């Protein structure tokens, strides 16, 4: 199985996970891995998906419904 090596801008990352650009910017401020390429924040696919999973699993509404 090949790993997705795609990179995203803030806007593209937000579209990929169905969140706002402000949410992605907040994730970056709070430590999500990213890099600066010529003044543009770039997020690797694996880092975006790892952060997304953390946030989804931490959602108390998800836990109430018994969703794993």
PDB file of N, CA and C in Angstrom:
ATOM      1  N   UNK A   1       0.848  -1.175   0.000  1.00  0.00           N
ATOM      2  CA  UNK A   1       0.000   0.000   0.000  1.00  0.00           C
ATOM      3  C   UNK A   1       0.892   1.236   0.000  1.00  0.00           C
ATOM      4  N   UNK A   2       0.672   2.162  -0.919  1.00  0.00           N
ATOM      5  CA  UNK A   2       1.504   3.359  -0.977  1.00  0.00           C
ATOM      6  C   UNK A   2       0.927   4.451  -0.092  1.00  0.00           C
ATOM      7  N   UNK A   3       1.825   5.218   0.469  1.00  0.00           N
ATOM      8  CA  UNK A   3       1.424   6.294   1.356  1.00  0.00           C
ATOM      9  C   UNK A   3       1.142   7.552   0.543  1.00  0.00           C
ATOM     10  N   UNK A   4       0.134   8.319   0.919  1.00  0.00           N
ATOM     11  CA  UNK A   4      -0.192   9.566   0.249  1.00  0.00           C
ATOM     12  C   UNK A   4       0.845  10.609   0.648  1.00  0.00           C
ATOM     13  N   UNK A   5       1.575  11.146  -0.310  1.00  0.00           N
ATOM     14  CA  UNK A   5       2.617  12.131  -0.037  1.00  0.00           C
ATOM     15  C   UNK A   5       2.160  13.549  -0.387  1.00  0.00           C
ATOM     16  N   UNK A   6       0.863  13.746  -0.505  1.00  0.00           N
ATOM     17  CA  UNK A   6       0.323  15.043  -0.883  1.00  0.00           C
ATOM     18  C   UNK A   6       0.574  16.075   0.209  1.00  0.00           C
ATOM     19  N   UNK A   7       0.766  17.318  -0.212  1.00  0.00           N
ATOM     20  CA  UNK A   7       0.922  18.449   0.699  1.00  0.00           C
ATOM     21  C   UNK A   7      -0.223  19.420   0.469  1.00  0.00           C
ATOM     22  N   UNK A   8      -0.589  20.141   1.519  1.00  0.00           N
ATOM     23  CA  UNK A   8      -1.733  21.046   1.449  1.00  0.00           C
ATOM     24  C   UNK A   8      -1.378  22.432   1.957  1.00  0.00           C
ATOM     25  N   UNK A   9      -1.981  23.442   1.350  1.00  0.00           N
ATOM     26  CA  UNK A   9      -1.985  24.778   1.937  1.00  0.00           C
ATOM     27  C   UNK A   9      -3.050  24.773   3.030  1.00  0.00           C
ATOM     28  N   UNK A  10      -3.138  25.848   3.785  1.00  0.00           N
ATOM     29  CA  UNK A  10      -4.171  25.954   4.824  1.00  0.00           C
ATOM     30  C   UNK A  10      -5.560  25.767   4.200  1.00  0.00           C
ATOM     31  N   UNK A  11      -5.806  26.446   3.099  1.00  0.00           N
ATOM     32  CA  UNK A  11      -7.119  26.379   2.450  1.00  0.00           C
ATOM     33  C   UNK A  11      -7.417  24.968   1.944  1.00  0.00           C
ATOM     34  N   UNK A  12      -6.445  24.341   1.315  1.00  0.00           N
ATOM     35  CA  UNK A  12      -6.645  22.987   0.793  1.00  0.00           C
ATOM     36  C   UNK A  12      -6.820  21.977   1.928  1.00  0.00           C
ATOM     37  N   UNK A  13      -6.077  22.165   3.017  1.00  0.00           N
ATOM     38  CA  UNK A  13      -6.206  21.274   4.179  1.00  0.00           C
ATOM     39  C   UNK A  13      -7.608  21.381   4.766  1.00  0.00           C
ATOM     40  N   UNK A  14      -8.111  22.603   4.861  1.00  0.00           N
ATOM     41  CA  UNK A  14      -9.456  22.818   5.395  1.00  0.00           C
ATOM     42  C   UNK A  14     -10.495  22.111   4.523  1.00  0.00           C
ATOM     43  N   UNK A  15     -10.355  22.244   3.224  1.00  0.00           N
ATOM     44  CA  UNK A  15     -11.287  21.586   2.304  1.00  0.00           C
ATOM     45  C   UNK A  15     -11.180  20.067   2.412  1.00  0.00           C
ATOM     46  N   UNK A  16      -9.981  19.562   2.579  1.00  0.00           N
ATOM     47  CA  UNK A  16      -9.762  18.099   2.646  1.00  0.00           C
ATOM     48  C   UNK A  16     -10.479  17.463   3.827  1.00  0.00           C
ATOM     49  N   UNK A  17     -10.476  18.147   4.990  1.00  0.00           N
ATOM     50  CA  UNK A  17     -11.085  17.565   6.192  1.00  0.00           C
ATOM     51  C   UNK A  17     -12.430  18.194   6.550  1.00  0.00           C
ATOM     52  N   UNK A  18     -12.926  19.098   5.722  1.00  0.00           N
ATOM     53  CA  UNK A  18     -14.241  19.689   5.961  1.00  0.00           C
ATOM     54  C   UNK A  18     -14.287  20.633   7.147  1.00  0.00           C
ATOM     55  N   UNK A  19     -13.203  21.336   7.380  1.00  0.00           N
ATOM     56  CA  UNK A  19     -13.117  22.303   8.476  1.00  0.00           C
ATOM     57  C   UNK A  19     -12.839  23.677   7.893  1.00  0.00           C
ATOM     58  N   UNK A  20     -12.940  24.705   8.724  1.00  0.00           N
ATOM     59  CA  UNK A  20     -12.654  26.061   8.260  1.00  0.00           C
ATOM     60  C   UNK A  20     -11.145  26.312   8.253  1.00  0.00           C
ATOM     61  N   UNK A  21     -10.744  27.335   7.499  1.00  0.00           N
ATOM     62  CA  UNK A  21      -9.325  27.705   7.502  1.00  0.00           C
ATOM     63  C   UNK A  21      -8.902  28.168   8.894  1.00  0.00           C
ATOM     64  N   UNK A  22      -9.809  28.793   9.628  1.00  0.00           N
ATOM     65  CA  UNK A  22      -9.483  29.219  11.003  1.00  0.00           C
ATOM     66  C   UNK A  22      -9.186  28.023  11.898  1.00  0.00           C
ATOM     67  N   UNK A  23      -9.906  26.935  11.707  1.00  0.00           N
ATOM     68  CA  UNK A  23      -9.649  25.724  12.492  1.00  0.00           C
ATOM     69  C   UNK A  23      -8.257  25.180  12.182  1.00  0.00           C
ATOM     70  N   UNK A  24      -7.905  25.114  10.906  1.00  0.00           N
ATOM     71  CA  UNK A  24      -6.585  24.598  10.525  1.00  0.00           C
ATOM     72  C   UNK A  24      -5.495  25.519  11.062  1.00  0.00           C
ATOM     73  N   UNK A  25      -5.699  26.825  10.974  1.00  0.00           N
ATOM     74  CA  UNK A  25      -4.726  27.770  11.536  1.00  0.00           C
ATOM     75  C   UNK A  25      -4.572  27.563  13.039  1.00  0.00           C
ATOM     76  N   UNK A  26      -5.667  27.289  13.730  1.00  0.00           N
ATOM     77  CA  UNK A  26      -5.615  27.027  15.174  1.00  0.00           C
ATOM     78  C   UNK A  26      -4.819  25.750  15.452  1.00  0.00           C
ATOM     79  N   UNK A  27      -5.062  24.708  14.661  1.00  0.00           N
ATOM     80  CA  UNK A  27      -4.309  23.462  14.830  1.00  0.00           C
ATOM     81  C   UNK A  27      -2.809  23.718  14.660  1.00  0.00           C
ATOM     82  N   UNK A  28      -2.449  24.547  13.671  1.00  0.00           N
ATOM     83  CA  UNK A  28      -1.037  24.877  13.440  1.00  0.00           C
ATOM     84  C   UNK A  28      -0.476  25.637  14.638  1.00  0.00           C
ATOM     85  N   UNK A  29      -1.218  26.626  15.125  1.00  0.00           N
ATOM     86  CA  UNK A  29      -0.765  27.393  16.302  1.00  0.00           C
ATOM     87  C   UNK A  29      -0.566  26.499  17.514  1.00  0.00           C
ATOM     88  N   UNK A  30      -1.378  25.460  17.627  1.00  0.00           N
ATOM     89  CA  UNK A  30      -1.310  24.568  18.785  1.00  0.00           C
ATOM     90  C   UNK A  30      -0.405  23.364  18.558  1.00  0.00           C
ATOM     91  N   UNK A  31       0.398  23.418  17.510  1.00  0.00           N
ATOM     92  CA  UNK A  31       1.451  22.420  17.379  1.00  0.00           C
ATOM     93  C   UNK A  31       1.381  21.420  16.243  1.00  0.00           C
ATOM     94  N   UNK A  32       0.360  21.496  15.387  1.00  0.00           N
ATOM     95  CA  UNK A  32       0.344  20.566  14.254  1.00  0.00           C
ATOM     96  C   UNK A  32       1.568  20.837  13.383  1.00  0.00           C
ATOM     97  N   UNK A  33       2.228  19.768  12.973  1.00  0.00           N
ATOM     98  CA  UNK A  33       3.430  19.915  12.156  1.00  0.00           C
ATOM     99  C   UNK A  33       3.095  20.553  10.814  1.00  0.00           C
ATOM    100  N   UNK A  34       3.955  21.476  10.399  1.00  0.00           N
ATOM    101  CA  UNK A  34       3.839  22.123   9.101  1.00  0.00           C
ATOM    102  C   UNK A  34       5.205  22.706   8.763  1.00  0.00           C
ATOM    103  N   UNK A  35       5.323  23.228   7.574  1.00  0.00           N
ATOM    104  CA  UNK A  35       6.562  23.909   7.210  1.00  0.00           C
ATOM    105  C   UNK A  35       6.231  25.129   6.365  1.00  0.00           C
ATOM    106  N   UNK A  36       7.189  26.016   6.291  1.00  0.00           N
ATOM    107  CA  UNK A  36       7.039  27.246   5.528  1.00  0.00           C
ATOM    108  C   UNK A  36       7.817  27.090   4.228  1.00  0.00           C
ATOM    109  N   UNK A  37       7.115  27.229   3.118  1.00  0.00           N
ATOM    110  CA  UNK A  37       7.750  27.162   1.809  1.00  0.00           C
ATOM    111  C   UNK A  37       7.495  28.493   1.116  1.00  0.00           C
ATOM    112  N   UNK A  38       8.524  29.311   1.062  1.00  0.00           N
ATOM    113  CA  UNK A  38       8.430  30.633   0.425  1.00  0.00           C
ATOM    114  C   UNK A  38       7.274  31.453   0.995  1.00  0.00           C
ATOM    115  N   UNK A  39       7.101  31.398   2.308  1.00  0.00           N
ATOM    116  CA  UNK A  39       6.071  32.185   2.968  1.00  0.00           C
ATOM    117  C   UNK A  39       4.692  31.547   2.995  1.00  0.00           C
ATOM    118  N   UNK A  40       4.571  30.333   2.487  1.00  0.00           N
ATOM    119  CA  UNK A  40       3.289  29.628   2.467  1.00  0.00           C
ATOM    120  C   UNK A  40       3.371  28.443   3.422  1.00  0.00           C
ATOM    121  N   UNK A  41       2.377  28.326   4.294  1.00  0.00           N
ATOM    122  CA  UNK A  41       2.327  27.196   5.221  1.00  0.00           C
ATOM    123  C   UNK A  41       1.926  25.951   4.435  1.00  0.00           C
ATOM    124  N   UNK A  42       2.727  24.903   4.574  1.00  0.00           N
ATOM    125  CA  UNK A  42       2.474  23.641   3.880  1.00  0.00           C
ATOM    126  C   UNK A  42       2.349  22.537   4.924  1.00  0.00           C
ATOM    127  N   UNK A  43       1.295  21.749   4.794  1.00  0.00           N
ATOM    128  CA  UNK A  43       1.011  20.668   5.736  1.00  0.00           C
ATOM    129  C   UNK A  43       1.038  19.354   4.968  1.00  0.00           C
ATOM    130  N   UNK A  44       1.797  18.397   5.470  1.00  0.00           N
ATOM    131  CA  UNK A  44       1.845  17.079   4.833  1.00  0.00           C
ATOM    132  C   UNK A  44       0.562  16.310   5.142  1.00  0.00           C
ATOM    133  N   UNK A  45       0.161  15.474   4.199  1.00  0.00           N
ATOM    134  CA  UNK A  45      -1.068  14.688   4.332  1.00  0.00           C
ATOM    135  C   UNK A  45      -1.094  13.901   5.642  1.00  0.00           C
ATOM    136  N   UNK A  46      -0.009  13.218   5.960  1.00  0.00           N
ATOM    137  CA  UNK A  46       0.021  12.375   7.168  1.00  0.00           C
ATOM    138  C   UNK A  46      -0.142  13.210   8.433  1.00  0.00           C
ATOM    139  N   UNK A  47       0.434  14.409   8.463  1.00  0.00           N
ATOM    140  CA  UNK A  47       0.294  15.281   9.633  1.00  0.00           C
ATOM    141  C   UNK A  47      -1.135  15.796   9.765  1.00  0.00           C
ATOM    142  N   UNK A  48      -1.750  16.148   8.643  1.00  0.00           N
ATOM    143  CA  UNK A  48      -3.136  16.616   8.659  1.00  0.00           C
ATOM    144  C   UNK A  48      -4.069  15.512   9.143  1.00  0.00           C
ATOM    145  N   UNK A  49      -3.899  14.313   8.608  1.00  0.00           N
ATOM    146  CA  UNK A  49      -4.774  13.206   8.990  1.00  0.00           C
ATOM    147  C   UNK A  49      -4.577  12.807  10.453  1.00  0.00           C
ATOM    148  N   UNK A  50      -3.344  12.869  10.943  1.00  0.00           N
ATOM    149  CA  UNK A  50      -3.086  12.545  12.352  1.00  0.00           C
ATOM    150  C   UNK A  50      -3.802  13.539  13.262  1.00  0.00           C
ATOM    151  N   UNK A  51      -3.711  14.821  12.945  1.00  0.00           N
ATOM    152  CA  UNK A  51      -4.371  15.845  13.754  1.00  0.00           C
ATOM    153  C   UNK A  51      -5.888  15.698  13.674  1.00  0.00           C
ATOM    154  N   UNK A  52      -6.400  15.429  12.489  1.00  0.00           N
ATOM    155  CA  UNK A  52      -7.837  15.250  12.296  1.00  0.00           C
ATOM    156  C   UNK A  52      -8.351  14.083  13.148  1.00  0.00           C
ATOM    157  N   UNK A  53      -7.639  12.969  13.127  1.00  0.00           N
ATOM    158  CA  UNK A  53      -8.045  11.807  13.937  1.00  0.00           C
ATOM    159  C   UNK A  53      -8.047  12.141  15.424  1.00  0.00           C
ATOM    160  N   UNK A  54      -7.026  12.856  15.880  1.00  0.00           N
ATOM    161  CA  UNK A  54      -6.961  13.257  17.295  1.00  0.00           C
ATOM    162  C   UNK A  54      -8.191  14.078  17.656  1.00  0.00           C
ATOM    163  N   UNK A  55      -8.526  15.041  16.820  1.00  0.00           N
ATOM    164  CA  UNK A  55      -9.665  15.922  17.105  1.00  0.00           C
ATOM    165  C   UNK A  55     -10.988  15.166  17.033  1.00  0.00           C
ATOM    166  N   UNK A  56     -11.130  14.277  16.078  1.00  0.00           N
ATOM    167  CA  UNK A  56     -12.365  13.496  15.956  1.00  0.00           C
ATOM    168  C   UNK A  56     -12.540  12.587  17.166  1.00  0.00           C
ATOM    169  N   UNK A  57     -11.487  11.896  17.559  1.00  0.00           N
ATOM    170  CA  UNK A  57     -11.581  10.974  18.691  1.00  0.00           C
ATOM    171  C   UNK A  57     -11.794  11.699  20.012  1.00  0.00           C
ATOM    172  N   UNK A  58     -11.363  12.961  20.090  1.00  0.00           N
ATOM    173  CA  UNK A  58     -11.522  13.743  21.313  1.00  0.00           C
ATOM    174  C   UNK A  58     -12.898  14.396  21.414  1.00  0.00           C
ATOM    175  N   UNK A  59     -13.709  14.294  20.374  1.00  0.00           N
ATOM    176  CA  UNK A  59     -15.020  14.934  20.337  1.00  0.00           C
ATOM    177  C   UNK A  59     -15.970  14.218  21.306  1.00  0.00           C
ATOM    178  N   UNK A  60     -16.435  14.902  22.367  1.00  0.00           N
ATOM    179  CA  UNK A  60     -17.312  14.256  23.344  1.00  0.00           C
ATOM    180  C   UNK A  60     -18.644  13.794  22.748  1.00  0.00           C
ATOM    181  N   UNK A  61     -19.155  14.472  21.743  1.00  0.00           N
ATOM    182  CA  UNK A  61     -20.403  14.049  21.097  1.00  0.00           C
ATOM    183  C   UNK A  61     -20.233  12.699  20.421  1.00  0.00           C
ATOM    184  N   UNK A  62     -19.082  12.469  19.866  1.00  0.00           N
ATOM    185  CA  UNK A  62     -18.786  11.190  19.222  1.00  0.00           C
ATOM    186  C   UNK A  62     -18.777  10.075  20.263  1.00  0.00           C
ATOM    187  N   UNK A  63     -18.225  10.342  21.432  1.00  0.00           N
ATOM    188  CA  UNK A  63     -18.149   9.347  22.496  1.00  0.00           C
ATOM    189  C   UNK A  63     -19.534   9.036  23.057  1.00  0.00           C
ATOM    190  N   UNK A  64     -20.404  10.032  23.159  1.00  0.00           N
ATOM    191  CA  UNK A  64     -21.759   9.827  23.680  1.00  0.00           C
ATOM    192  C   UNK A  64     -22.558   8.875  22.801  1.00  0.00           C
ATOM    193  N   UNK A  65     -22.341   8.965  21.503  1.00  0.00           N
ATOM    194  CA  UNK A  65     -23.077   8.127  20.563  1.00  0.00           C
ATOM    195  C   UNK A  65     -22.464   6.734  20.445  1.00  0.00           C
ATOM    196  N   UNK A  66     -21.340   6.521  21.103  1.00  0.00           N
ATOM    197  CA  UNK A  66     -20.705   5.217  21.053  1.00  0.00           C
ATOM    198  C   UNK A  66     -20.024   4.917  19.736  1.00  0.00           C
ATOM    199  N   UNK A  67     -19.650   5.966  19.013  1.00  0.00           N
ATOM    200  CA  UNK A  67     -18.981   5.789  17.725  1.00  0.00           C
ATOM    201  C   UNK A  67     -17.491   5.620  17.984  1.00  0.00           C
ATOM    202  N   UNK A  68     -16.902   4.654  17.381  1.00  0.00           N
ATOM    203  CA  UNK A  68     -15.470   4.389  17.569  1.00  0.00           C
ATOM    204  C   UNK A  68     -14.689   4.927  16.411  1.00  0.00           C
TER     205      UNK A  68
END
